[in-house]
Amino acid sequence: MSCRSLKMPCRLLVAVMLIGISSLALGHRMDHEIATAEAQVLSLSHPFGQQPVFVPYQIFAPDSEVAFQNGRTDALGRISFLPDRPGRWRVVVTTEDGHGLEVRVRVDEALAVTEVEGPPRNRLVNILAGVGYLLGLAGLLILWRKRKKAHAHP
């Protein structure tokens, strides 16, 4: 058999192998589609107005212990989701330092939020927390002055 007679089958074999390899690569491909939809947005904030940025959360559908959605809040402390059925949804937010929030969101038949149930916002608690911070700072200032005075007069 001459070299020329083997060129065609070799080329055909290489072509078939390349097609086979390229079809395997398509298995890793992901398609996308953009759609306009009205998402439900939950805006979060700490008592003094700061937004919890990039904090982990989970959303549970009604009567489900498996998370429907999980992720992190956006740069403005918001969570958005598109519920797929009516009922009481549960949103659980947990910060790395142990703080957190659990909110129940009631979604109607039109898949719109009709009610949000969460811990009450208590103005008195916020005021007392602010006073506590100020007293703590005053205590640190007094301690710093005493230490400075003690080191000045040995």
Protein backbone atom coordinates (compact mmCIF):
# COMPACT_ATOMS: atom_id res chain seq x y z
CA MET A 1 0.00 0.00 0.00
CA SER A 2 1.34 3.39 -0.92
CA CYS A 3 1.46 6.51 1.24
CA ARG A 4 -1.05 8.22 -1.01
CA SER A 5 -3.64 5.52 -0.52
CA LEU A 6 -3.46 5.98 3.31
CA LYS A 7 -3.80 9.80 3.25
CA MET A 8 -7.53 9.81 2.61
CA PRO A 9 -8.51 7.34 5.38
CA CYS A 10 -6.18 9.13 7.84
CA ARG A 11 -7.71 12.49 7.03
CA LEU A 12 -11.18 11.04 7.40
CA LEU A 13 -10.26 9.51 10.76
CA VAL A 14 -8.81 12.82 12.01
CA ALA A 15 -11.93 14.69 10.86
CA VAL A 16 -14.24 12.24 12.66
CA MET A 17 -12.15 12.51 15.84
CA LEU A 18 -12.26 16.32 15.75
CA ILE A 19 -16.03 16.29 15.32
CA GLY A 20 -16.34 13.88 18.25
CA ILE A 21 -14.16 16.02 20.49
CA SER A 22 -15.99 19.23 19.58
CA SER A 23 -19.37 17.66 20.41
CA LEU A 24 -18.03 16.81 23.89
CA ALA A 25 -17.10 20.46 24.39
CA LEU A 26 -20.72 21.48 23.70
CA GLY A 27 -21.69 19.59 26.86
CA HIS A 28 -20.05 22.38 28.87
CA ARG A 29 -21.84 25.15 27.02
CA MET A 30 -24.52 27.20 28.74
CA ASP A 31 -27.17 29.19 26.91
CA HIS A 32 -28.79 32.37 28.17
CA GLU A 33 -31.93 34.36 27.61
CA ILE A 34 -32.97 37.80 28.83
CA ALA A 35 -36.57 38.32 29.90
CA THR A 36 -38.35 41.22 31.53
CA ALA A 37 -40.17 40.18 34.69
CA GLU A 38 -41.41 41.91 37.81
CA ALA A 39 -39.26 40.65 40.67
CA GLN A 40 -40.08 41.04 44.34
CA VAL A 41 -37.39 43.11 46.07
CA LEU A 42 -36.68 43.02 49.80
CA SER A 43 -34.47 45.92 50.99
CA LEU A 44 -32.53 45.29 54.20
CA SER A 45 -30.84 47.68 56.59
CA HIS A 46 -29.22 47.69 60.00
CA PRO A 47 -30.85 49.79 62.77
CA PHE A 48 -28.61 52.78 62.04
CA GLY A 49 -29.22 52.80 58.30
CA GLN A 50 -26.30 50.75 56.97
CA GLN A 51 -27.14 48.19 54.32
CA PRO A 52 -25.94 44.61 54.80
CA VAL A 53 -23.81 44.36 51.67
CA PHE A 54 -23.12 40.92 50.11
CA VAL A 55 -24.64 39.06 53.07
CA PRO A 56 -25.72 35.42 52.48
CA TYR A 57 -29.44 34.59 52.35
CA GLN A 58 -31.78 31.72 51.56
CA ILE A 59 -35.37 31.84 50.31
CA PHE A 60 -37.73 28.95 51.06
CA ALA A 61 -40.94 28.34 49.13
CA PRO A 62 -44.15 27.61 51.06
CA ASP A 63 -44.05 24.24 52.85
CA SER A 64 -40.48 23.51 51.74
CA GLU A 65 -37.31 22.90 53.73
CA VAL A 66 -35.14 23.00 50.60
CA ALA A 67 -33.97 26.46 49.54
CA PHE A 68 -35.75 27.78 46.44
CA GLN A 69 -33.01 30.37 46.04
CA ASN A 70 -29.81 31.30 47.82
CA GLY A 71 -27.19 33.93 47.27
CA ARG A 72 -25.91 37.21 48.65
CA THR A 73 -27.51 40.61 48.95
CA ASP A 74 -26.45 43.11 46.31
CA ALA A 75 -24.27 46.20 46.85
CA LEU A 76 -27.34 48.08 48.15
CA GLY A 77 -28.45 45.41 50.63
CA ARG A 78 -31.31 44.10 48.47
CA ILE A 79 -32.65 40.64 47.70
CA SER A 80 -34.78 40.08 44.62
CA PHE A 81 -36.68 36.95 43.64
CA LEU A 82 -39.44 35.72 41.39
CA PRO A 83 -41.86 33.49 43.33
CA ASP A 84 -43.38 30.67 41.30
CA ARG A 85 -46.43 30.05 43.50
CA PRO A 86 -48.59 31.77 46.11
CA GLY A 87 -48.20 31.25 49.85
CA ARG A 88 -45.95 32.26 52.74
CA TRP A 89 -42.33 32.38 51.63
CA ARG A 90 -39.52 32.50 54.16
CA VAL A 91 -36.40 34.64 53.71
CA VAL A 92 -33.49 33.88 56.06
CA VAL A 93 -30.51 36.26 56.21
CA THR A 94 -27.48 35.40 58.35
CA THR A 95 -24.38 37.56 58.70
CA GLU A 96 -20.93 36.14 59.42
CA ASP A 97 -20.92 37.68 62.91
CA GLY A 98 -24.09 35.83 63.89
CA HIS A 99 -26.68 38.54 63.33
CA GLY A 100 -29.60 37.72 61.15
CA LEU A 101 -33.20 38.11 60.17
CA GLU A 102 -36.07 35.84 59.24
CA VAL A 103 -38.91 37.38 57.28
CA ARG A 104 -42.10 35.76 56.03
CA VAL A 105 -43.41 37.12 52.75
CA ARG A 106 -47.01 36.44 51.72
CA VAL A 107 -47.42 36.08 47.95
CA ASP A 108 -50.91 36.18 46.37
CA GLU A 109 -52.31 34.33 43.33
CA ALA A 110 -50.93 37.05 41.01
CA LEU A 111 -47.47 36.30 42.50
CA ALA A 112 -47.28 39.74 44.09
CA VAL A 113 -46.20 40.37 47.68
CA THR A 114 -49.19 41.32 49.83
CA GLU A 115 -47.66 41.23 53.30
CA VAL A 116 -44.26 41.05 54.98
CA GLU A 117 -44.02 39.62 58.50
CA GLY A 118 -40.81 40.12 60.40
CA PRO A 119 -39.48 41.33 63.70
CA PRO A 120 -41.05 44.67 64.60
CA ARG A 121 -39.01 47.79 64.14
CA ASN A 122 -38.77 49.18 67.63
CA ARG A 123 -37.72 52.81 67.83
CA LEU A 124 -37.11 52.56 71.58
CA VAL A 125 -34.65 49.70 71.08
CA ASN A 126 -32.77 51.77 68.49
CA ILE A 127 -32.60 54.76 70.86
CA LEU A 128 -31.39 52.60 73.76
CA ALA A 129 -28.76 50.99 71.54
CA GLY A 130 -27.53 54.45 70.53
CA VAL A 131 -27.33 55.55 74.17
CA GLY A 132 -25.44 52.33 74.98
CA TYR A 133 -22.89 53.04 72.26
CA LEU A 134 -22.41 56.60 73.54
CA LEU A 135 -21.95 55.39 77.14
CA GLY A 136 -19.42 52.82 75.93
CA LEU A 137 -17.45 55.49 74.08
CA ALA A 138 -17.57 57.77 77.15
CA GLY A 139 -16.24 54.90 79.30
CA LEU A 140 -13.38 54.29 76.88
CA LEU A 141 -12.54 58.01 76.88
CA ILE A 142 -12.47 58.11 80.70
CA LEU A 143 -10.29 54.99 80.82
CA TRP A 144 -7.90 56.45 78.24
CA ARG A 145 -7.60 59.73 80.21
CA LYS A 146 -6.92 57.87 83.49
CA ARG A 147 -4.20 55.77 81.86
CA LYS A 148 -2.68 58.86 80.28
CA LYS A 149 -2.73 60.68 83.65
CA ALA A 150 -1.20 57.66 85.46
CA HIS A 151 1.67 57.47 82.96
CA ALA A 152 2.29 61.22 83.19
CA HIS A 153 2.86 61.11 87.01
CA PRO A 154 4.97 58.04 87.86
